[in-house]
């Protein structure tokens, strides 16, 4: 699936490949390109203010996940079937509500942990999963078996920009 980013606020118009089918098991690029990073930062910079995230429909979870922080989930985006690079389903914050990164989420079509024929990719990076659901905020639908991809845009991750966890992120 090809998505053309033409959202207001995105200075670059890029054609982004977001394949919803699996890709060959080859080494994914180690990080985002400068242009990809710019698009994501421009699309999410307003969420450095957690109030803007809440106003946009993200719901806070009460649980801090070690290595990830607090997840703010957007239920309407999480229910979608299309991964839109400029509309991440999850925002990651530390205990002081500093934005750390973003997370993309896609429910597994068949709900089977043993298959991955619908594994999504973003910018050529394969999502992690399929995996069991995690805690969700009150009022959000129950999280199904899913795939996800973390992007550490706003804090350095020694494990890598696209690693699932960040050893610098601790919980109280």
N, C-alpha and C. Protein backbone atom coordinates (compact mmCIF):
# COMPACT_ATOMS: atom_id res chain seq x y z
N UNK A 1 0.85 -1.15 0.00
CA UNK A 1 0.00 0.00 0.00
C UNK A 1 0.90 1.22 0.00
N UNK A 2 0.65 2.17 -0.87
CA UNK A 2 1.44 3.39 -0.97
C UNK A 2 0.63 4.53 -0.37
N UNK A 3 1.24 5.23 0.55
CA UNK A 3 0.58 6.38 1.16
C UNK A 3 1.35 7.62 0.78
N UNK A 4 0.69 8.62 0.27
CA UNK A 4 1.35 9.88 -0.04
C UNK A 4 1.05 10.84 1.09
N UNK A 5 2.08 11.33 1.72
CA UNK A 5 1.92 12.22 2.86
C UNK A 5 1.73 13.63 2.34
N UNK A 6 0.51 14.14 2.49
CA UNK A 6 0.21 15.50 2.05
C UNK A 6 -0.50 16.25 3.16
N UNK A 7 -0.40 15.75 4.40
CA UNK A 7 -1.04 16.39 5.55
C UNK A 7 -0.49 17.78 5.77
N UNK A 8 -1.34 18.72 6.15
CA UNK A 8 -0.83 20.02 6.54
C UNK A 8 0.13 19.84 7.72
N UNK A 9 1.19 20.62 7.75
CA UNK A 9 2.16 20.51 8.82
C UNK A 9 3.33 19.63 8.46
N UNK A 10 3.21 18.84 7.41
CA UNK A 10 4.33 18.03 6.96
C UNK A 10 5.00 18.78 5.82
N UNK A 11 6.23 19.20 6.03
CA UNK A 11 6.92 20.02 5.05
C UNK A 11 7.33 19.22 3.83
N UNK A 12 7.47 17.93 4.00
CA UNK A 12 7.92 17.10 2.89
C UNK A 12 6.75 16.27 2.37
N UNK A 13 6.66 16.13 1.07
CA UNK A 13 5.68 15.21 0.51
C UNK A 13 6.46 13.99 0.06
N UNK A 14 6.22 12.89 0.73
CA UNK A 14 6.95 11.67 0.43
C UNK A 14 5.97 10.58 0.05
N UNK A 15 6.38 9.69 -0.78
CA UNK A 15 5.61 8.49 -1.02
C UNK A 15 6.20 7.42 -0.13
N UNK A 16 5.39 6.89 0.76
CA UNK A 16 5.86 5.96 1.77
C UNK A 16 5.26 4.59 1.52
N UNK A 17 6.06 3.58 1.59
CA UNK A 17 5.56 2.23 1.43
C UNK A 17 5.22 1.66 2.78
N UNK A 18 3.98 1.25 2.93
CA UNK A 18 3.52 0.62 4.16
C UNK A 18 2.86 -0.69 3.77
N UNK A 19 3.65 -1.70 3.46
CA UNK A 19 3.10 -2.96 3.01
C UNK A 19 2.40 -3.65 4.17
N UNK A 20 1.19 -4.11 3.92
CA UNK A 20 0.46 -4.83 4.94
C UNK A 20 0.69 -6.32 4.82
N UNK A 21 1.46 -6.74 3.83
CA UNK A 21 1.81 -8.14 3.68
C UNK A 21 3.23 -8.33 4.20
N UNK A 22 3.60 -9.57 4.49
CA UNK A 22 4.93 -9.87 4.98
C UNK A 22 5.99 -9.55 3.94
N UNK A 23 7.21 -9.37 4.40
CA UNK A 23 8.33 -9.11 3.52
C UNK A 23 9.36 -10.19 3.72
N UNK A 24 10.25 -10.38 2.75
CA UNK A 24 11.27 -11.41 2.92
C UNK A 24 12.09 -11.16 4.18
N UNK A 25 12.61 -12.24 4.76
CA UNK A 25 13.40 -12.13 5.99
C UNK A 25 14.80 -11.62 5.65
N UNK A 26 14.90 -10.33 5.42
CA UNK A 26 16.19 -9.72 5.15
C UNK A 26 16.46 -8.67 6.21
N UNK A 27 17.70 -8.27 6.32
CA UNK A 27 18.05 -7.29 7.34
C UNK A 27 17.39 -5.96 7.03
N UNK A 28 16.67 -5.43 7.99
CA UNK A 28 16.01 -4.13 7.82
C UNK A 28 17.04 -3.03 8.00
N UNK A 29 16.81 -1.89 7.37
CA UNK A 29 17.71 -0.77 7.59
C UNK A 29 17.81 -0.47 9.08
N UNK A 30 18.99 -0.06 9.58
CA UNK A 30 19.17 0.12 11.02
C UNK A 30 18.42 1.30 11.62
N UNK A 31 18.05 2.27 10.83
CA UNK A 31 17.39 3.45 11.37
C UNK A 31 16.61 4.15 10.27
N UNK A 32 15.96 5.22 10.64
CA UNK A 32 15.22 6.02 9.67
C UNK A 32 16.15 6.91 8.88
N UNK A 33 15.73 7.26 7.68
CA UNK A 33 16.48 8.25 6.92
C UNK A 33 16.17 9.63 7.51
N UNK A 34 16.96 10.59 7.16
CA UNK A 34 16.74 11.96 7.63
C UNK A 34 15.37 12.47 7.19
N UNK A 35 14.98 12.20 5.96
CA UNK A 35 13.67 12.67 5.46
C UNK A 35 12.52 12.00 6.21
N UNK A 36 12.63 10.69 6.47
CA UNK A 36 11.59 9.98 7.20
C UNK A 36 11.47 10.53 8.62
N UNK A 37 12.59 10.73 9.24
CA UNK A 37 12.63 11.29 10.60
C UNK A 37 11.98 12.67 10.66
N UNK A 38 12.28 13.49 9.67
CA UNK A 38 11.72 14.84 9.61
C UNK A 38 10.20 14.79 9.51
N UNK A 39 9.67 13.92 8.66
CA UNK A 39 8.22 13.79 8.52
C UNK A 39 7.59 13.38 9.85
N UNK A 40 8.19 12.41 10.53
CA UNK A 40 7.62 11.94 11.80
C UNK A 40 7.70 13.00 12.89
N UNK A 41 8.79 13.71 12.96
CA UNK A 41 8.92 14.76 13.97
C UNK A 41 7.93 15.89 13.70
N UNK A 42 7.80 16.29 12.45
CA UNK A 42 6.84 17.36 12.12
C UNK A 42 5.40 16.94 12.44
N UNK A 43 5.10 15.66 12.25
CA UNK A 43 3.75 15.17 12.50
C UNK A 43 3.44 15.01 13.98
N UNK A 44 4.47 14.86 14.82
CA UNK A 44 4.23 14.56 16.23
C UNK A 44 4.74 15.61 17.21
N UNK A 45 5.42 16.62 16.73
CA UNK A 45 6.03 17.59 17.66
C UNK A 45 5.03 18.23 18.60
N UNK A 46 3.77 18.42 18.17
CA UNK A 46 2.79 19.04 19.06
C UNK A 46 2.51 18.17 20.29
N UNK A 47 2.79 16.88 20.21
CA UNK A 47 2.52 15.97 21.33
C UNK A 47 3.61 16.01 22.40
N UNK A 48 4.61 16.86 22.21
CA UNK A 48 5.57 17.08 23.30
C UNK A 48 4.83 17.68 24.49
N UNK A 49 3.72 18.34 24.21
CA UNK A 49 2.81 18.82 25.26
C UNK A 49 1.74 17.74 25.43
N UNK A 50 1.78 17.04 26.57
CA UNK A 50 0.86 15.93 26.77
C UNK A 50 -0.60 16.37 26.69
N UNK A 51 -0.89 17.62 27.01
CA UNK A 51 -2.26 18.13 26.89
C UNK A 51 -2.73 18.07 25.43
N UNK A 52 -1.84 18.36 24.50
CA UNK A 52 -2.20 18.28 23.08
C UNK A 52 -2.53 16.84 22.69
N UNK A 53 -1.81 15.89 23.25
CA UNK A 53 -2.10 14.48 22.97
C UNK A 53 -3.48 14.10 23.51
N UNK A 54 -3.76 14.51 24.72
CA UNK A 54 -5.07 14.22 25.31
C UNK A 54 -6.18 14.89 24.50
N UNK A 55 -5.98 16.13 24.10
CA UNK A 55 -6.97 16.85 23.29
C UNK A 55 -7.18 16.19 21.94
N UNK A 56 -6.16 15.52 21.42
CA UNK A 56 -6.26 14.85 20.12
C UNK A 56 -6.89 13.46 20.21
N UNK A 57 -7.21 13.01 21.42
CA UNK A 57 -7.90 11.73 21.57
C UNK A 57 -7.04 10.60 22.11
N UNK A 58 -5.80 10.88 22.46
CA UNK A 58 -4.96 9.84 23.07
C UNK A 58 -5.39 9.67 24.52
N UNK A 59 -5.42 8.43 25.01
CA UNK A 59 -5.80 8.11 26.38
C UNK A 59 -4.58 7.60 27.13
N UNK A 60 -4.36 8.12 28.33
CA UNK A 60 -3.21 7.72 29.14
C UNK A 60 -3.45 6.37 29.79
N UNK A 61 -2.40 5.56 29.85
CA UNK A 61 -2.45 4.33 30.64
C UNK A 61 -1.81 4.65 31.98
N UNK A 62 -2.19 3.91 33.00
CA UNK A 62 -1.64 4.13 34.33
C UNK A 62 -0.39 3.32 34.59
N UNK A 63 -0.05 2.43 33.68
CA UNK A 63 1.05 1.52 33.88
C UNK A 63 2.29 1.98 33.13
N UNK A 64 3.41 2.06 33.84
CA UNK A 64 4.69 2.34 33.19
C UNK A 64 5.32 1.01 32.81
N UNK A 65 5.64 0.84 31.55
CA UNK A 65 6.28 -0.39 31.08
C UNK A 65 7.79 -0.16 31.07
N UNK A 66 8.55 -0.95 31.84
CA UNK A 66 10.00 -0.77 31.86
C UNK A 66 10.59 -0.82 30.45
N UNK A 67 11.43 0.15 30.15
CA UNK A 67 12.05 0.22 28.83
C UNK A 67 11.20 0.89 27.78
N UNK A 68 9.96 1.24 28.12
CA UNK A 68 9.06 1.89 27.16
C UNK A 68 8.42 3.15 27.72
N UNK A 69 8.10 3.15 28.99
CA UNK A 69 7.43 4.29 29.59
C UNK A 69 5.92 4.13 29.59
N UNK A 70 5.24 5.26 29.69
CA UNK A 70 3.78 5.30 29.71
C UNK A 70 3.25 5.38 28.29
N UNK A 71 2.29 4.53 27.99
CA UNK A 71 1.67 4.50 26.66
C UNK A 71 0.40 5.34 26.67
N UNK A 72 0.30 6.23 25.70
CA UNK A 72 -0.93 6.99 25.47
C UNK A 72 -1.48 6.46 24.15
N UNK A 73 -2.63 5.82 24.21
CA UNK A 73 -3.19 5.10 23.07
C UNK A 73 -4.34 5.89 22.47
N UNK A 74 -4.38 5.93 21.15
CA UNK A 74 -5.51 6.57 20.46
C UNK A 74 -6.42 5.45 19.96
N UNK A 75 -7.56 5.20 20.63
CA UNK A 75 -8.41 4.06 20.28
C UNK A 75 -8.88 4.06 18.83
N UNK A 76 -9.25 5.20 18.28
CA UNK A 76 -9.75 5.24 16.90
C UNK A 76 -8.64 4.87 15.91
N UNK A 77 -7.42 5.34 16.16
CA UNK A 77 -6.32 5.00 15.26
C UNK A 77 -5.92 3.54 15.42
N UNK A 78 -5.98 3.02 16.66
CA UNK A 78 -5.59 1.64 16.93
C UNK A 78 -6.54 0.64 16.30
N UNK A 79 -7.75 1.06 16.02
CA UNK A 79 -8.74 0.17 15.42
C UNK A 79 -8.63 0.10 13.90
N UNK A 80 -7.80 0.95 13.33
CA UNK A 80 -7.68 1.01 11.87
C UNK A 80 -6.89 -0.13 11.27
N UNK A 81 -7.03 -0.30 9.97
CA UNK A 81 -6.29 -1.36 9.28
C UNK A 81 -5.11 -0.80 8.49
N UNK A 82 -5.07 0.51 8.33
CA UNK A 82 -3.99 1.15 7.58
C UNK A 82 -3.03 1.82 8.55
N UNK A 83 -1.74 1.60 8.33
CA UNK A 83 -0.71 2.28 9.12
C UNK A 83 -0.40 3.59 8.41
N UNK A 84 -0.64 4.70 9.09
CA UNK A 84 -0.34 6.02 8.53
C UNK A 84 0.86 6.56 9.29
N UNK A 85 1.99 6.76 8.64
CA UNK A 85 3.20 7.21 9.34
C UNK A 85 3.03 8.49 10.14
N UNK A 86 2.14 9.37 9.73
CA UNK A 86 1.99 10.64 10.44
C UNK A 86 0.90 10.60 11.52
N UNK A 87 0.29 9.45 11.71
CA UNK A 87 -0.73 9.28 12.75
C UNK A 87 -0.40 8.05 13.59
N UNK A 88 0.60 8.13 14.46
CA UNK A 88 0.94 6.96 15.28
C UNK A 88 -0.19 6.60 16.24
N UNK A 89 -0.38 5.32 16.44
CA UNK A 89 -1.45 4.84 17.30
C UNK A 89 -1.13 5.05 18.79
N UNK A 90 0.17 5.12 19.13
CA UNK A 90 0.59 5.21 20.53
C UNK A 90 1.71 6.24 20.66
N UNK A 91 1.65 7.01 21.74
CA UNK A 91 2.72 7.94 22.10
C UNK A 91 3.36 7.43 23.39
N UNK A 92 4.68 7.56 23.50
CA UNK A 92 5.41 7.06 24.67
C UNK A 92 5.97 8.24 25.48
N UNK A 93 5.65 8.27 26.77
CA UNK A 93 6.07 9.35 27.66
C UNK A 93 6.82 8.79 28.86
N UNK A 94 7.66 9.64 29.47
CA UNK A 94 8.29 9.25 30.74
C UNK A 94 7.40 9.74 31.88
N UNK A 95 7.84 9.51 33.12
CA UNK A 95 7.02 9.86 34.29
C UNK A 95 6.76 11.35 34.42
N UNK A 96 7.63 12.18 33.83
CA UNK A 96 7.42 13.64 33.88
C UNK A 96 6.59 14.14 32.69
N UNK A 97 6.06 13.22 31.90
CA UNK A 97 5.25 13.49 30.72
C UNK A 97 6.05 14.10 29.58
N UNK A 98 7.32 13.75 29.51
CA UNK A 98 8.17 14.13 28.38
C UNK A 98 7.97 13.08 27.29
N UNK A 99 7.70 13.53 26.07
CA UNK A 99 7.52 12.63 24.94
C UNK A 99 8.86 11.97 24.60
N UNK A 100 8.85 10.64 24.58
CA UNK A 100 10.06 9.87 24.29
C UNK A 100 10.09 9.35 22.86
N UNK A 101 8.93 8.90 22.40
CA UNK A 101 8.87 8.29 21.08
C UNK A 101 7.43 7.97 20.71
N UNK A 102 7.31 7.21 19.64
CA UNK A 102 6.00 6.83 19.15
C UNK A 102 5.99 5.33 18.90
N UNK A 103 4.80 4.78 18.81
CA UNK A 103 4.65 3.36 18.54
C UNK A 103 3.53 3.18 17.52
N UNK A 104 3.81 2.36 16.52
CA UNK A 104 2.80 1.99 15.54
C UNK A 104 2.23 0.64 15.94
N UNK A 105 0.94 0.45 15.71
CA UNK A 105 0.22 -0.72 16.17
C UNK A 105 -0.71 -1.21 15.06
N UNK A 106 -0.76 -2.52 14.89
CA UNK A 106 -1.74 -3.12 13.97
C UNK A 106 -2.18 -4.45 14.54
N UNK A 107 -3.49 -4.62 14.65
CA UNK A 107 -4.04 -5.89 15.12
C UNK A 107 -3.70 -6.99 14.12
N UNK A 108 -3.43 -8.18 14.63
CA UNK A 108 -3.17 -9.35 13.80
C UNK A 108 -4.50 -9.85 13.24
N UNK A 109 -4.59 -9.97 11.94
CA UNK A 109 -5.87 -10.30 11.29
C UNK A 109 -6.47 -11.61 11.78
N UNK A 110 -5.64 -12.64 11.97
CA UNK A 110 -6.21 -13.94 12.37
C UNK A 110 -6.07 -14.20 13.87
N UNK A 111 -5.41 -13.32 14.60
CA UNK A 111 -5.27 -13.49 16.04
C UNK A 111 -4.46 -14.70 16.45
N UNK A 112 -3.67 -15.24 15.54
CA UNK A 112 -2.89 -16.45 15.78
C UNK A 112 -1.42 -16.08 15.96
N UNK A 113 -0.88 -16.35 17.15
CA UNK A 113 0.52 -16.04 17.42
C UNK A 113 1.49 -16.85 16.57
N UNK A 114 1.01 -17.93 15.94
CA UNK A 114 1.86 -18.80 15.15
C UNK A 114 1.97 -18.42 13.68
N UNK A 115 1.23 -17.40 13.25
CA UNK A 115 1.29 -16.99 11.84
C UNK A 115 1.63 -15.51 11.76
N UNK A 116 2.23 -15.10 10.63
CA UNK A 116 2.57 -13.68 10.48
C UNK A 116 2.45 -13.21 9.04
N UNK A 117 1.50 -13.78 8.31
CA UNK A 117 1.35 -13.42 6.90
C UNK A 117 0.86 -11.99 6.69
N UNK A 118 0.35 -11.36 7.74
CA UNK A 118 -0.12 -9.98 7.61
C UNK A 118 0.79 -9.00 8.36
N UNK A 119 2.06 -9.39 8.60
CA UNK A 119 3.00 -8.52 9.32
C UNK A 119 3.20 -7.23 8.52
N UNK A 120 2.93 -6.08 9.13
CA UNK A 120 3.13 -4.82 8.42
C UNK A 120 4.60 -4.38 8.44
N UNK A 121 4.91 -3.45 7.56
CA UNK A 121 6.21 -2.79 7.56
C UNK A 121 5.98 -1.29 7.47
N UNK A 122 6.97 -0.55 7.92
CA UNK A 122 6.94 0.90 7.81
C UNK A 122 8.33 1.34 7.41
N UNK A 123 8.45 2.03 6.30
CA UNK A 123 9.74 2.48 5.79
C UNK A 123 10.69 1.29 5.60
N UNK A 124 10.15 0.12 5.28
CA UNK A 124 10.98 -1.06 5.08
C UNK A 124 11.33 -1.81 6.35
N UNK A 125 10.85 -1.36 7.49
CA UNK A 125 11.12 -2.00 8.77
C UNK A 125 9.95 -2.90 9.15
N UNK A 126 10.24 -4.15 9.43
CA UNK A 126 9.20 -5.10 9.83
C UNK A 126 8.77 -4.83 11.26
N UNK A 127 7.48 -4.90 11.50
CA UNK A 127 6.95 -4.75 12.86
C UNK A 127 7.32 -5.98 13.68
N UNK A 128 7.39 -5.81 15.01
CA UNK A 128 7.58 -6.92 15.94
C UNK A 128 6.24 -7.61 16.12
N UNK A 129 6.28 -8.92 16.37
CA UNK A 129 5.05 -9.67 16.63
C UNK A 129 4.92 -10.85 15.71
N UNK A 130 3.76 -11.47 15.75
CA UNK A 130 2.59 -11.12 16.55
C UNK A 130 2.84 -11.40 18.03
N UNK A 131 2.14 -10.63 18.87
CA UNK A 131 2.29 -10.74 20.32
C UNK A 131 0.95 -10.55 21.00
N UNK A 132 0.87 -11.02 22.26
CA UNK A 132 -0.34 -10.83 23.05
C UNK A 132 -0.58 -9.35 23.30
N UNK A 133 -1.82 -9.00 23.61
CA UNK A 133 -2.17 -7.64 23.95
C UNK A 133 -1.58 -7.24 25.29
N UNK A 134 -1.51 -5.93 25.54
CA UNK A 134 -1.01 -5.36 26.78
C UNK A 134 -2.14 -4.60 27.46
N UNK A 135 -1.84 -4.00 28.62
CA UNK A 135 -2.85 -3.20 29.32
C UNK A 135 -3.29 -2.04 28.42
N UNK A 136 -4.57 -1.72 28.49
CA UNK A 136 -5.12 -0.60 27.72
C UNK A 136 -5.76 0.39 28.67
N UNK A 137 -5.89 1.66 28.25
CA UNK A 137 -6.54 2.63 29.12
C UNK A 137 -8.03 2.35 29.27
N UNK A 138 -8.58 2.78 30.39
CA UNK A 138 -10.02 2.63 30.61
C UNK A 138 -10.76 3.30 29.47
N UNK A 139 -11.77 2.62 28.95
CA UNK A 139 -12.56 3.17 27.85
C UNK A 139 -12.06 2.76 26.48
N UNK A 140 -10.86 2.19 26.40
CA UNK A 140 -10.33 1.74 25.11
C UNK A 140 -10.73 0.28 24.91
N UNK A 141 -10.87 -0.14 23.65
CA UNK A 141 -11.19 -1.55 23.41
C UNK A 141 -10.04 -2.44 23.85
N UNK A 142 -10.35 -3.69 24.21
CA UNK A 142 -9.33 -4.64 24.64
C UNK A 142 -8.30 -4.83 23.52
N UNK A 143 -7.02 -4.86 23.86
CA UNK A 143 -5.97 -4.99 22.87
C UNK A 143 -5.87 -6.45 22.40
N UNK A 144 -5.96 -6.68 21.11
CA UNK A 144 -5.87 -8.04 20.57
C UNK A 144 -4.41 -8.46 20.33
N UNK A 145 -4.24 -9.67 19.86
CA UNK A 145 -2.94 -10.10 19.35
C UNK A 145 -2.57 -9.08 18.27
N UNK A 146 -1.30 -8.64 18.27
CA UNK A 146 -0.96 -7.52 17.39
C UNK A 146 0.52 -7.50 17.02
N UNK A 147 0.84 -6.55 16.15
CA UNK A 147 2.20 -6.20 15.77
C UNK A 147 2.44 -4.76 16.21
N UNK A 148 3.71 -4.43 16.51
CA UNK A 148 4.02 -3.03 16.79
C UNK A 148 5.45 -2.69 16.39
N UNK A 149 5.69 -1.40 16.26
CA UNK A 149 7.01 -0.89 15.92
C UNK A 149 7.22 0.39 16.72
N UNK A 150 8.28 0.41 17.53
CA UNK A 150 8.63 1.58 18.34
C UNK A 150 9.63 2.45 17.59
N UNK A 151 9.46 3.75 17.69
CA UNK A 151 10.39 4.71 17.08
C UNK A 151 10.77 5.71 18.17
N UNK A 152 12.04 5.73 18.55
CA UNK A 152 12.52 6.60 19.62
C UNK A 152 12.97 7.92 19.01
N UNK A 153 11.99 8.79 18.74
CA UNK A 153 12.24 10.07 18.07
C UNK A 153 12.80 11.14 18.98
N UNK A 154 12.37 11.14 20.23
CA UNK A 154 12.65 12.27 21.11
C UNK A 154 13.63 11.96 22.23
N UNK A 155 14.12 10.76 22.28
CA UNK A 155 15.15 10.41 23.25
C UNK A 155 16.09 9.39 22.61
N UNK A 156 17.35 9.53 22.88
CA UNK A 156 18.35 8.62 22.33
C UNK A 156 18.16 7.23 22.92
N UNK A 157 18.23 6.22 22.07
CA UNK A 157 18.15 4.84 22.54
C UNK A 157 19.45 4.13 22.16
N UNK A 158 20.28 3.75 23.14
CA UNK A 158 21.53 3.07 22.82
C UNK A 158 21.31 1.72 22.13
N UNK A 159 20.10 1.16 22.27
CA UNK A 159 19.79 -0.12 21.62
C UNK A 159 19.38 0.08 20.16
N UNK A 160 19.16 1.32 19.74
CA UNK A 160 18.77 1.61 18.37
C UNK A 160 17.47 2.38 18.30
N UNK A 161 17.37 3.20 17.28
CA UNK A 161 16.21 4.07 17.10
C UNK A 161 14.90 3.30 16.98
N UNK A 162 14.96 2.06 16.47
CA UNK A 162 13.75 1.27 16.26
C UNK A 162 13.68 0.05 17.17
N UNK A 163 14.50 0.02 18.22
CA UNK A 163 14.45 -1.10 19.16
C UNK A 163 13.15 -1.05 19.96
N UNK A 164 12.67 -2.20 20.37
CA UNK A 164 11.43 -2.27 21.12
C UNK A 164 11.54 -1.56 22.45
N UNK A 165 12.63 -1.78 23.17
CA UNK A 165 12.80 -1.16 24.48
C UNK A 165 14.02 -0.25 24.49
N UNK A 166 13.99 0.67 25.44
CA UNK A 166 15.08 1.64 25.60
C UNK A 166 15.61 1.50 27.04
N UNK A 167 16.88 1.06 27.20
CA UNK A 167 17.40 0.87 28.55
C UNK A 167 17.48 2.15 29.38
N UNK A 168 17.35 3.31 28.75
CA UNK A 168 17.37 4.58 29.49
C UNK A 168 16.01 4.90 30.11
N UNK A 169 14.96 4.19 29.70
CA UNK A 169 13.61 4.47 30.19
C UNK A 169 13.33 3.58 31.39
N UNK A 170 13.14 4.21 32.54
CA UNK A 170 12.86 3.46 33.76
C UNK A 170 11.48 3.84 34.29
N UNK A 171 10.99 2.99 35.16
CA UNK A 171 9.69 3.23 35.76
C UNK A 171 9.87 3.47 37.25
N UNK A 172 8.93 4.24 37.83
CA UNK A 172 9.01 4.51 39.27
C UNK A 172 8.93 3.22 40.08
